Amino acid sequence: MVDRDGRRVARAASRPREFRRSGSKGRPPKPVVLVVDDDADARTIYAMSLRAKGCDVFTAKDGREALEKANALWPDVIVMDLAMPHIDGWEAIRRLNESSWTREIPVVAVSAVPYSRQTALAAGCDAYLTKPCDPQVLWTQIRTLLGLPDSGSDLQ
């Protein structure tokens, strides 16, 4: 991270979740979610569903773009496909966990790769969902990870 004078400054390894969410006066803060999937339809479905629940959603099409956006946005949670081109989800998760800036961000692996649940959890994912994944199931998992209330299942 660079300050206004161009000097490199360290970013705190962890900050309270409340400061990582957006929000406006009189409204509860919105979770910031990064959805990473090489399938444009999956990205669109998950993004639209999570926006309808009141989340601020950003997307990435591969692990390389996910790492860039995770470092820039510092999302509250990342939804990560595992089988992608360039940098796959496995490698992206490994790199996220290596960085003190991103290791505290919960990651939900969403994958059609058979028998990958235990490997994904061992690699550092906080949750694993099998594709095809119902967007409501994904929202329930995100809510659980972030400790959000189940008040009507959305934040709006």
N, C-alpha and C. Protein backbone atom coordinates (compact mmCIF):
# COMPACT_ATOMS: atom_id res chain seq x y z
N MET A 1 0.85 -1.16 0.00
CA MET A 1 0.00 0.00 0.00
C MET A 1 0.91 1.23 0.00
N VAL A 2 0.51 2.27 -0.70
CA VAL A 2 1.32 3.47 -0.83
C VAL A 2 0.52 4.66 -0.33
N ASP A 3 1.19 5.54 0.46
CA ASP A 3 0.47 6.73 0.94
C ASP A 3 0.49 7.82 -0.13
N ARG A 4 -0.10 8.99 0.20
CA ARG A 4 -0.22 10.06 -0.79
C ARG A 4 1.12 10.60 -1.26
N ASP A 5 2.17 10.42 -0.44
CA ASP A 5 3.50 10.90 -0.83
C ASP A 5 4.31 9.85 -1.58
N GLY A 6 3.69 8.71 -1.85
CA GLY A 6 4.37 7.66 -2.60
C GLY A 6 5.20 6.74 -1.74
N ARG A 7 5.13 6.90 -0.41
CA ARG A 7 5.90 6.01 0.48
C ARG A 7 5.12 4.75 0.73
N ARG A 8 5.84 3.65 0.78
CA ARG A 8 5.21 2.36 1.04
C ARG A 8 4.86 2.27 2.53
N VAL A 9 3.62 1.89 2.82
CA VAL A 9 3.19 1.73 4.21
C VAL A 9 2.55 0.36 4.37
N ALA A 10 2.69 -0.19 5.55
CA ALA A 10 2.12 -1.51 5.81
C ALA A 10 0.65 -1.36 6.18
N ARG A 11 -0.13 -2.30 5.73
CA ARG A 11 -1.54 -2.33 6.08
C ARG A 11 -1.67 -3.29 7.26
N ALA A 12 -2.53 -2.97 8.19
CA ALA A 12 -2.74 -3.82 9.36
C ALA A 12 -3.16 -5.21 8.91
N ALA A 13 -2.69 -6.22 9.63
CA ALA A 13 -2.99 -7.60 9.27
C ALA A 13 -4.47 -7.93 9.44
N SER A 14 -5.10 -7.26 10.35
CA SER A 14 -6.51 -7.52 10.57
C SER A 14 -7.18 -6.26 11.09
N ARG A 15 -8.37 -6.00 10.62
CA ARG A 15 -9.14 -4.90 11.15
C ARG A 15 -10.55 -5.40 11.38
N PRO A 16 -11.28 -4.78 12.27
CA PRO A 16 -12.62 -5.28 12.58
C PRO A 16 -13.49 -5.36 11.32
N ARG A 17 -14.29 -6.40 11.23
CA ARG A 17 -15.14 -6.62 10.08
C ARG A 17 -16.04 -5.43 9.81
N GLU A 18 -16.50 -4.72 10.85
CA GLU A 18 -17.38 -3.59 10.65
C GLU A 18 -16.73 -2.51 9.78
N PHE A 19 -15.43 -2.39 9.82
CA PHE A 19 -14.74 -1.38 9.03
C PHE A 19 -14.51 -1.84 7.60
N ARG A 20 -14.70 -3.12 7.34
CA ARG A 20 -14.47 -3.64 6.00
C ARG A 20 -15.74 -3.65 5.18
N ARG A 21 -16.86 -3.31 5.77
CA ARG A 21 -18.12 -3.30 5.03
C ARG A 21 -18.49 -1.87 4.67
N SER A 22 -19.16 -1.74 3.56
CA SER A 22 -19.67 -0.44 3.18
C SER A 22 -21.00 -0.21 3.89
N GLY A 23 -21.50 0.98 3.83
CA GLY A 23 -22.79 1.28 4.42
C GLY A 23 -23.03 2.77 4.35
N SER A 24 -24.27 3.15 4.42
CA SER A 24 -24.58 4.57 4.42
C SER A 24 -25.40 4.89 5.66
N LYS A 25 -25.58 6.15 5.92
CA LYS A 25 -26.28 6.58 7.13
C LYS A 25 -27.65 5.91 7.23
N GLY A 26 -27.92 5.38 8.42
CA GLY A 26 -29.22 4.78 8.66
C GLY A 26 -29.39 3.38 8.11
N ARG A 27 -28.39 2.87 7.41
CA ARG A 27 -28.49 1.52 6.85
C ARG A 27 -27.41 0.63 7.45
N PRO A 28 -27.72 -0.64 7.63
CA PRO A 28 -26.69 -1.54 8.13
C PRO A 28 -25.59 -1.71 7.08
N PRO A 29 -24.39 -2.02 7.52
CA PRO A 29 -23.30 -2.21 6.56
C PRO A 29 -23.57 -3.41 5.66
N LYS A 30 -23.06 -3.33 4.44
CA LYS A 30 -23.23 -4.41 3.47
C LYS A 30 -21.95 -5.22 3.40
N PRO A 31 -22.07 -6.55 3.43
CA PRO A 31 -20.87 -7.37 3.24
C PRO A 31 -20.33 -7.18 1.82
N VAL A 32 -19.03 -7.13 1.70
CA VAL A 32 -18.37 -7.05 0.40
C VAL A 32 -17.95 -8.47 0.04
N VAL A 33 -18.45 -8.95 -1.11
CA VAL A 33 -18.21 -10.32 -1.54
C VAL A 33 -17.48 -10.30 -2.88
N LEU A 34 -16.43 -11.11 -2.99
CA LEU A 34 -15.73 -11.30 -4.26
C LEU A 34 -16.08 -12.69 -4.77
N VAL A 35 -16.73 -12.76 -5.93
CA VAL A 35 -17.11 -14.03 -6.55
C VAL A 35 -16.12 -14.33 -7.67
N VAL A 36 -15.46 -15.48 -7.57
CA VAL A 36 -14.43 -15.86 -8.53
C VAL A 36 -14.83 -17.16 -9.22
N ASP A 37 -15.02 -17.07 -10.54
CA ASP A 37 -15.40 -18.26 -11.31
C ASP A 37 -15.11 -17.98 -12.78
N ASP A 38 -14.57 -18.96 -13.49
CA ASP A 38 -14.29 -18.77 -14.91
C ASP A 38 -15.55 -18.91 -15.75
N ASP A 39 -16.62 -19.44 -15.17
CA ASP A 39 -17.90 -19.57 -15.86
C ASP A 39 -18.69 -18.28 -15.68
N ALA A 40 -18.90 -17.55 -16.77
CA ALA A 40 -19.59 -16.25 -16.70
C ALA A 40 -21.01 -16.40 -16.16
N ASP A 41 -21.69 -17.48 -16.50
CA ASP A 41 -23.05 -17.69 -16.00
C ASP A 41 -23.06 -17.86 -14.49
N ALA A 42 -22.13 -18.65 -13.97
CA ALA A 42 -22.05 -18.86 -12.52
C ALA A 42 -21.75 -17.53 -11.81
N ARG A 43 -20.80 -16.76 -12.35
CA ARG A 43 -20.49 -15.45 -11.75
C ARG A 43 -21.73 -14.57 -11.71
N THR A 44 -22.45 -14.54 -12.82
CA THR A 44 -23.64 -13.69 -12.92
C THR A 44 -24.73 -14.14 -11.95
N ILE A 45 -25.00 -15.42 -11.91
CA ILE A 45 -26.05 -15.95 -11.02
C ILE A 45 -25.73 -15.65 -9.57
N TYR A 46 -24.50 -15.97 -9.14
CA TYR A 46 -24.13 -15.73 -7.74
C TYR A 46 -24.12 -14.23 -7.43
N ALA A 47 -23.58 -13.43 -8.33
CA ALA A 47 -23.50 -11.99 -8.10
C ALA A 47 -24.90 -11.38 -7.98
N MET A 48 -25.79 -11.73 -8.90
CA MET A 48 -27.15 -11.18 -8.87
C MET A 48 -27.88 -11.59 -7.59
N SER A 49 -27.74 -12.84 -7.22
CA SER A 49 -28.41 -13.33 -6.02
C SER A 49 -27.88 -12.63 -4.77
N LEU A 50 -26.57 -12.48 -4.66
CA LEU A 50 -25.99 -11.84 -3.48
C LEU A 50 -26.30 -10.34 -3.44
N ARG A 51 -26.36 -9.70 -4.60
CA ARG A 51 -26.76 -8.28 -4.62
C ARG A 51 -28.21 -8.14 -4.16
N ALA A 52 -29.06 -9.08 -4.56
CA ALA A 52 -30.45 -9.05 -4.13
C ALA A 52 -30.58 -9.22 -2.62
N LYS A 53 -29.59 -9.85 -2.01
CA LYS A 53 -29.58 -10.03 -0.55
C LYS A 53 -28.99 -8.81 0.15
N GLY A 54 -28.46 -7.86 -0.61
CA GLY A 54 -27.93 -6.64 -0.02
C GLY A 54 -26.42 -6.56 0.05
N CYS A 55 -25.72 -7.44 -0.63
CA CYS A 55 -24.26 -7.44 -0.62
C CYS A 55 -23.70 -6.52 -1.71
N ASP A 56 -22.50 -6.00 -1.46
CA ASP A 56 -21.72 -5.34 -2.51
C ASP A 56 -20.89 -6.45 -3.13
N VAL A 57 -21.08 -6.72 -4.42
CA VAL A 57 -20.44 -7.87 -5.06
C VAL A 57 -19.51 -7.42 -6.18
N PHE A 58 -18.31 -8.01 -6.17
CA PHE A 58 -17.33 -7.82 -7.23
C PHE A 58 -17.02 -9.21 -7.78
N THR A 59 -16.58 -9.27 -9.03
CA THR A 59 -16.32 -10.57 -9.64
C THR A 59 -14.92 -10.61 -10.25
N ALA A 60 -14.43 -11.85 -10.41
CA ALA A 60 -13.16 -12.10 -11.07
C ALA A 60 -13.31 -13.39 -11.86
N LYS A 61 -12.61 -13.48 -13.00
CA LYS A 61 -12.77 -14.64 -13.87
C LYS A 61 -11.71 -15.72 -13.68
N ASP A 62 -10.68 -15.44 -12.89
CA ASP A 62 -9.65 -16.45 -12.62
C ASP A 62 -8.89 -16.07 -11.35
N GLY A 63 -8.00 -16.96 -10.94
CA GLY A 63 -7.26 -16.74 -9.70
C GLY A 63 -6.36 -15.52 -9.73
N ARG A 64 -5.80 -15.22 -10.88
CA ARG A 64 -4.93 -14.05 -10.99
C ARG A 64 -5.71 -12.77 -10.70
N GLU A 65 -6.86 -12.64 -11.34
CA GLU A 65 -7.70 -11.47 -11.12
C GLU A 65 -8.25 -11.46 -9.68
N ALA A 66 -8.52 -12.63 -9.13
CA ALA A 66 -9.01 -12.73 -7.75
C ALA A 66 -7.98 -12.18 -6.77
N LEU A 67 -6.73 -12.53 -6.96
CA LEU A 67 -5.67 -12.05 -6.06
C LEU A 67 -5.53 -10.53 -6.14
N GLU A 68 -5.59 -9.99 -7.35
CA GLU A 68 -5.51 -8.54 -7.51
C GLU A 68 -6.67 -7.85 -6.80
N LYS A 69 -7.88 -8.35 -7.02
CA LYS A 69 -9.06 -7.72 -6.42
C LYS A 69 -9.10 -7.92 -4.91
N ALA A 70 -8.68 -9.08 -4.43
CA ALA A 70 -8.66 -9.33 -2.98
C ALA A 70 -7.74 -8.33 -2.29
N ASN A 71 -6.59 -8.06 -2.89
CA ASN A 71 -5.65 -7.11 -2.30
C ASN A 71 -6.15 -5.68 -2.39
N ALA A 72 -6.88 -5.36 -3.44
CA ALA A 72 -7.39 -3.99 -3.61
C ALA A 72 -8.66 -3.74 -2.80
N LEU A 73 -9.56 -4.73 -2.76
CA LEU A 73 -10.87 -4.53 -2.14
C LEU A 73 -10.93 -4.98 -0.68
N TRP A 74 -10.13 -5.94 -0.34
CA TRP A 74 -10.15 -6.58 0.96
C TRP A 74 -11.59 -6.96 1.33
N PRO A 75 -12.20 -7.88 0.55
CA PRO A 75 -13.61 -8.23 0.76
C PRO A 75 -13.84 -8.93 2.09
N ASP A 76 -15.09 -8.98 2.51
CA ASP A 76 -15.45 -9.68 3.74
C ASP A 76 -15.40 -11.19 3.54
N VAL A 77 -15.68 -11.66 2.32
CA VAL A 77 -15.66 -13.08 2.02
C VAL A 77 -15.38 -13.26 0.52
N ILE A 78 -14.74 -14.37 0.19
CA ILE A 78 -14.46 -14.71 -1.21
C ILE A 78 -15.14 -16.04 -1.53
N VAL A 79 -15.87 -16.07 -2.64
CA VAL A 79 -16.48 -17.29 -3.16
C VAL A 79 -15.59 -17.73 -4.31
N MET A 80 -14.94 -18.89 -4.19
CA MET A 80 -13.88 -19.28 -5.11
C MET A 80 -14.14 -20.62 -5.78
N ASP A 81 -14.23 -20.59 -7.11
CA ASP A 81 -14.24 -21.83 -7.88
C ASP A 81 -12.83 -22.40 -7.78
N LEU A 82 -12.67 -23.71 -7.90
CA LEU A 82 -11.34 -24.30 -7.77
C LEU A 82 -10.67 -24.58 -9.11
N ALA A 83 -11.45 -24.98 -10.12
CA ALA A 83 -10.88 -25.33 -11.42
C ALA A 83 -11.05 -24.15 -12.37
N MET A 84 -9.96 -23.39 -12.55
CA MET A 84 -9.97 -22.21 -13.42
C MET A 84 -8.65 -22.13 -14.18
N PRO A 85 -8.64 -21.38 -15.29
CA PRO A 85 -7.39 -21.22 -16.05
C PRO A 85 -6.45 -20.23 -15.36
N HIS A 86 -5.25 -20.13 -15.90
CA HIS A 86 -4.20 -19.21 -15.44
C HIS A 86 -3.77 -19.61 -14.03
N ILE A 87 -4.34 -19.01 -13.01
CA ILE A 87 -4.09 -19.41 -11.63
C ILE A 87 -5.39 -20.04 -11.15
N ASP A 88 -5.34 -21.32 -10.77
CA ASP A 88 -6.57 -21.98 -10.34
C ASP A 88 -6.91 -21.59 -8.90
N GLY A 89 -8.07 -22.03 -8.44
CA GLY A 89 -8.52 -21.69 -7.11
C GLY A 89 -7.61 -22.21 -6.01
N TRP A 90 -7.04 -23.39 -6.22
CA TRP A 90 -6.13 -23.97 -5.21
C TRP A 90 -4.94 -23.04 -4.98
N GLU A 91 -4.32 -22.61 -6.06
CA GLU A 91 -3.15 -21.74 -5.96
C GLU A 91 -3.54 -20.36 -5.41
N ALA A 92 -4.68 -19.85 -5.84
CA ALA A 92 -5.14 -18.55 -5.34
C ALA A 92 -5.37 -18.61 -3.83
N ILE A 93 -5.97 -19.69 -3.36
CA ILE A 93 -6.19 -19.84 -1.91
C ILE A 93 -4.86 -19.93 -1.17
N ARG A 94 -3.92 -20.67 -1.73
CA ARG A 94 -2.60 -20.77 -1.10
C ARG A 94 -1.97 -19.39 -0.97
N ARG A 95 -2.03 -18.60 -2.04
CA ARG A 95 -1.43 -17.26 -2.01
C ARG A 95 -2.18 -16.32 -1.07
N LEU A 96 -3.51 -16.42 -1.03
CA LEU A 96 -4.28 -15.61 -0.09
C LEU A 96 -3.86 -15.91 1.35
N ASN A 97 -3.66 -17.20 1.64
CA ASN A 97 -3.29 -17.59 3.00
C ASN A 97 -1.84 -17.24 3.36
N GLU A 98 -1.00 -17.05 2.36
CA GLU A 98 0.39 -16.65 2.62
C GLU A 98 0.52 -15.18 3.00
N SER A 99 -0.42 -14.37 2.56
CA SER A 99 -0.34 -12.93 2.76
C SER A 99 -1.01 -12.52 4.07
N SER A 100 -0.31 -11.73 4.87
CA SER A 100 -0.92 -11.23 6.10
C SER A 100 -2.08 -10.29 5.80
N TRP A 101 -2.13 -9.74 4.59
CA TRP A 101 -3.21 -8.82 4.21
C TRP A 101 -4.51 -9.56 3.92
N THR A 102 -4.42 -10.79 3.44
CA THR A 102 -5.62 -11.49 2.98
C THR A 102 -5.91 -12.80 3.71
N ARG A 103 -5.04 -13.25 4.56
CA ARG A 103 -5.25 -14.58 5.17
C ARG A 103 -6.47 -14.66 6.07
N GLU A 104 -6.94 -13.54 6.57
CA GLU A 104 -8.11 -13.56 7.46
C GLU A 104 -9.44 -13.51 6.70
N ILE A 105 -9.40 -13.36 5.39
CA ILE A 105 -10.63 -13.30 4.60
C ILE A 105 -11.17 -14.73 4.44
N PRO A 106 -12.40 -14.98 4.90
CA PRO A 106 -12.96 -16.32 4.73
C PRO A 106 -13.16 -16.65 3.25
N VAL A 107 -12.91 -17.91 2.90
CA VAL A 107 -13.07 -18.37 1.52
C VAL A 107 -14.06 -19.53 1.49
N VAL A 108 -15.06 -19.39 0.62
CA VAL A 108 -16.02 -20.47 0.37
C VAL A 108 -15.65 -21.07 -0.98
N ALA A 109 -15.19 -22.30 -0.98
CA ALA A 109 -14.90 -23.00 -2.24
C ALA A 109 -16.21 -23.53 -2.80
N VAL A 110 -16.42 -23.29 -4.09
CA VAL A 110 -17.59 -23.81 -4.80
C VAL A 110 -17.05 -24.54 -6.01
N SER A 111 -17.23 -25.86 -6.04
CA SER A 111 -16.57 -26.63 -7.08
C SER A 111 -17.37 -27.84 -7.52
N ALA A 112 -17.18 -28.19 -8.79
CA ALA A 112 -17.76 -29.41 -9.35
C ALA A 112 -16.73 -30.53 -9.35
N VAL A 113 -15.52 -30.24 -8.86
CA VAL A 113 -14.45 -31.24 -8.82
C VAL A 113 -14.83 -32.31 -7.79
N PRO A 114 -14.98 -33.57 -8.23
CA PRO A 114 -15.38 -34.61 -7.29
C PRO A 114 -14.31 -34.86 -6.23
N TYR A 115 -14.78 -35.16 -5.03
CA TYR A 115 -13.91 -35.54 -3.91
C TYR A 115 -12.90 -34.47 -3.52
N SER A 116 -13.26 -33.21 -3.66
CA SER A 116 -12.29 -32.16 -3.32
C SER A 116 -12.60 -31.46 -2.00
N ARG A 117 -13.66 -31.84 -1.30
CA ARG A 117 -14.03 -31.17 -0.06
C ARG A 117 -12.89 -31.19 0.96
N GLN A 118 -12.38 -32.35 1.30
CA GLN A 118 -11.33 -32.44 2.33
C GLN A 118 -10.07 -31.70 1.90
N THR A 119 -9.71 -31.82 0.64
CA THR A 119 -8.52 -31.14 0.13
C THR A 119 -8.71 -29.63 0.18
N ALA A 120 -9.90 -29.16 -0.16
CA ALA A 120 -10.17 -27.72 -0.13
C ALA A 120 -10.10 -27.18 1.29
N LEU A 121 -10.69 -27.90 2.23
CA LEU A 121 -10.65 -27.45 3.62
C LEU A 121 -9.22 -27.49 4.16
N ALA A 122 -8.47 -28.52 3.78
CA ALA A 122 -7.07 -28.60 4.21
C ALA A 122 -6.23 -27.50 3.58
N ALA A 123 -6.62 -27.05 2.39
CA ALA A 123 -5.87 -25.99 1.70
C ALA A 123 -6.15 -24.61 2.30
N GLY A 124 -7.15 -24.51 3.17
CA GLY A 124 -7.40 -23.23 3.82
C GLY A 124 -8.77 -22.63 3.58
N CYS A 125 -9.65 -23.34 2.90
CA CYS A 125 -11.02 -22.84 2.71
C CYS A 125 -11.77 -22.93 4.04
N ASP A 126 -12.69 -22.03 4.23
CA ASP A 126 -13.49 -22.04 5.45
C ASP A 126 -14.78 -22.83 5.27
N ALA A 127 -15.16 -23.05 4.01
CA ALA A 127 -16.36 -23.82 3.71
C ALA A 127 -16.25 -24.36 2.29
N TYR A 128 -17.01 -25.40 2.02
CA TYR A 128 -16.99 -26.03 0.70
C TYR A 128 -18.43 -26.34 0.28
N LEU A 129 -18.79 -25.92 -0.93
CA LEU A 129 -20.10 -26.22 -1.50
C LEU A 129 -19.89 -26.87 -2.86
N THR A 130 -20.74 -27.83 -3.18
CA THR A 130 -20.64 -28.55 -4.44
C THR A 130 -21.50 -27.89 -5.51
N LYS A 131 -20.93 -27.76 -6.71
CA LYS A 131 -21.70 -27.26 -7.86
C LYS A 131 -22.53 -28.39 -8.43
N PRO A 132 -23.68 -28.12 -8.94
CA PRO A 132 -24.32 -26.80 -8.95
C PRO A 132 -24.78 -26.44 -7.55
N CYS A 133 -24.58 -25.21 -7.18
CA CYS A 133 -24.90 -24.73 -5.84
C CYS A 133 -26.06 -23.73 -5.90
N ASP A 134 -27.08 -24.01 -5.15
CA ASP A 134 -28.22 -23.11 -5.06
C ASP A 134 -27.74 -21.80 -4.43
N PRO A 135 -28.03 -20.66 -5.05
CA PRO A 135 -27.59 -19.37 -4.49
C PRO A 135 -28.06 -19.13 -3.05
N GLN A 136 -29.21 -19.69 -2.68
CA GLN A 136 -29.69 -19.53 -1.29
C GLN A 136 -28.78 -20.29 -0.32
N VAL A 137 -28.28 -21.44 -0.73
CA VAL A 137 -27.35 -22.21 0.09
C VAL A 137 -26.04 -21.43 0.25
N LEU A 138 -25.57 -20.82 -0.83
CA LEU A 138 -24.37 -19.99 -0.77
C LEU A 138 -24.58 -18.82 0.19
N TRP A 139 -25.72 -18.14 0.11
CA TRP A 139 -26.02 -17.01 0.99
C TRP A 139 -26.05 -17.47 2.46
N THR A 140 -26.65 -18.62 2.72
CA THR A 140 -26.69 -19.14 4.09
C THR A 140 -25.28 -19.39 4.61
N GLN A 141 -24.41 -19.92 3.77
CA GLN A 141 -23.04 -20.18 4.18
C GLN A 141 -22.29 -18.88 4.45
N ILE A 142 -22.47 -17.90 3.59
CA ILE A 142 -21.82 -16.59 3.78
C ILE A 142 -22.32 -15.94 5.07
N ARG A 143 -23.63 -15.97 5.27
CA ARG A 143 -24.21 -15.39 6.49
C ARG A 143 -23.62 -16.04 7.73
N THR A 144 -23.48 -17.35 7.70
CA THR A 144 -22.92 -18.09 8.83
C THR A 144 -21.47 -17.67 9.07
N LEU A 145 -20.66 -17.64 8.02
CA LEU A 145 -19.25 -17.27 8.16
C LEU A 145 -19.06 -15.86 8.70
N LEU A 146 -19.93 -14.94 8.27
CA LEU A 146 -19.79 -13.55 8.67
C LEU A 146 -20.56 -13.22 9.95
N GLY A 147 -21.30 -14.18 10.47
CA GLY A 147 -22.06 -13.95 11.68
C GLY A 147 -23.20 -12.96 11.49
N LEU A 148 -23.80 -12.97 10.30
CA LEU A 148 -24.90 -12.07 10.00
C LEU A 148 -26.21 -12.67 10.49
N PRO A 149 -27.13 -11.83 10.96
CA PRO A 149 -28.41 -12.35 11.45
C PRO A 149 -29.27 -12.89 10.31
N ASP A 150 -30.18 -13.75 10.67
CA ASP A 150 -31.12 -14.30 9.70
C ASP A 150 -32.43 -13.54 9.78
N SER A 151 -32.34 -12.24 9.61
CA SER A 151 -33.54 -11.40 9.67
C SER A 151 -34.13 -11.28 8.27
N GLY A 152 -34.94 -12.26 7.91
CA GLY A 152 -35.54 -12.24 6.58
C GLY A 152 -34.58 -12.66 5.49
N SER A 153 -33.40 -13.16 5.86
CA SER A 153 -32.39 -13.68 4.93
C SER A 153 -31.79 -12.64 3.99
N ASP A 154 -32.04 -11.35 4.22
CA ASP A 154 -31.34 -10.36 3.41
C ASP A 154 -31.05 -9.13 4.26
N LEU A 155 -30.29 -8.21 3.72
CA LEU A 155 -29.83 -7.05 4.47
C LEU A 155 -30.54 -5.77 4.09
N GLN A 156 -31.42 -5.83 3.13
CA GLN A 156 -32.04 -4.61 2.64
C GLN A 156 -33.19 -4.17 3.50
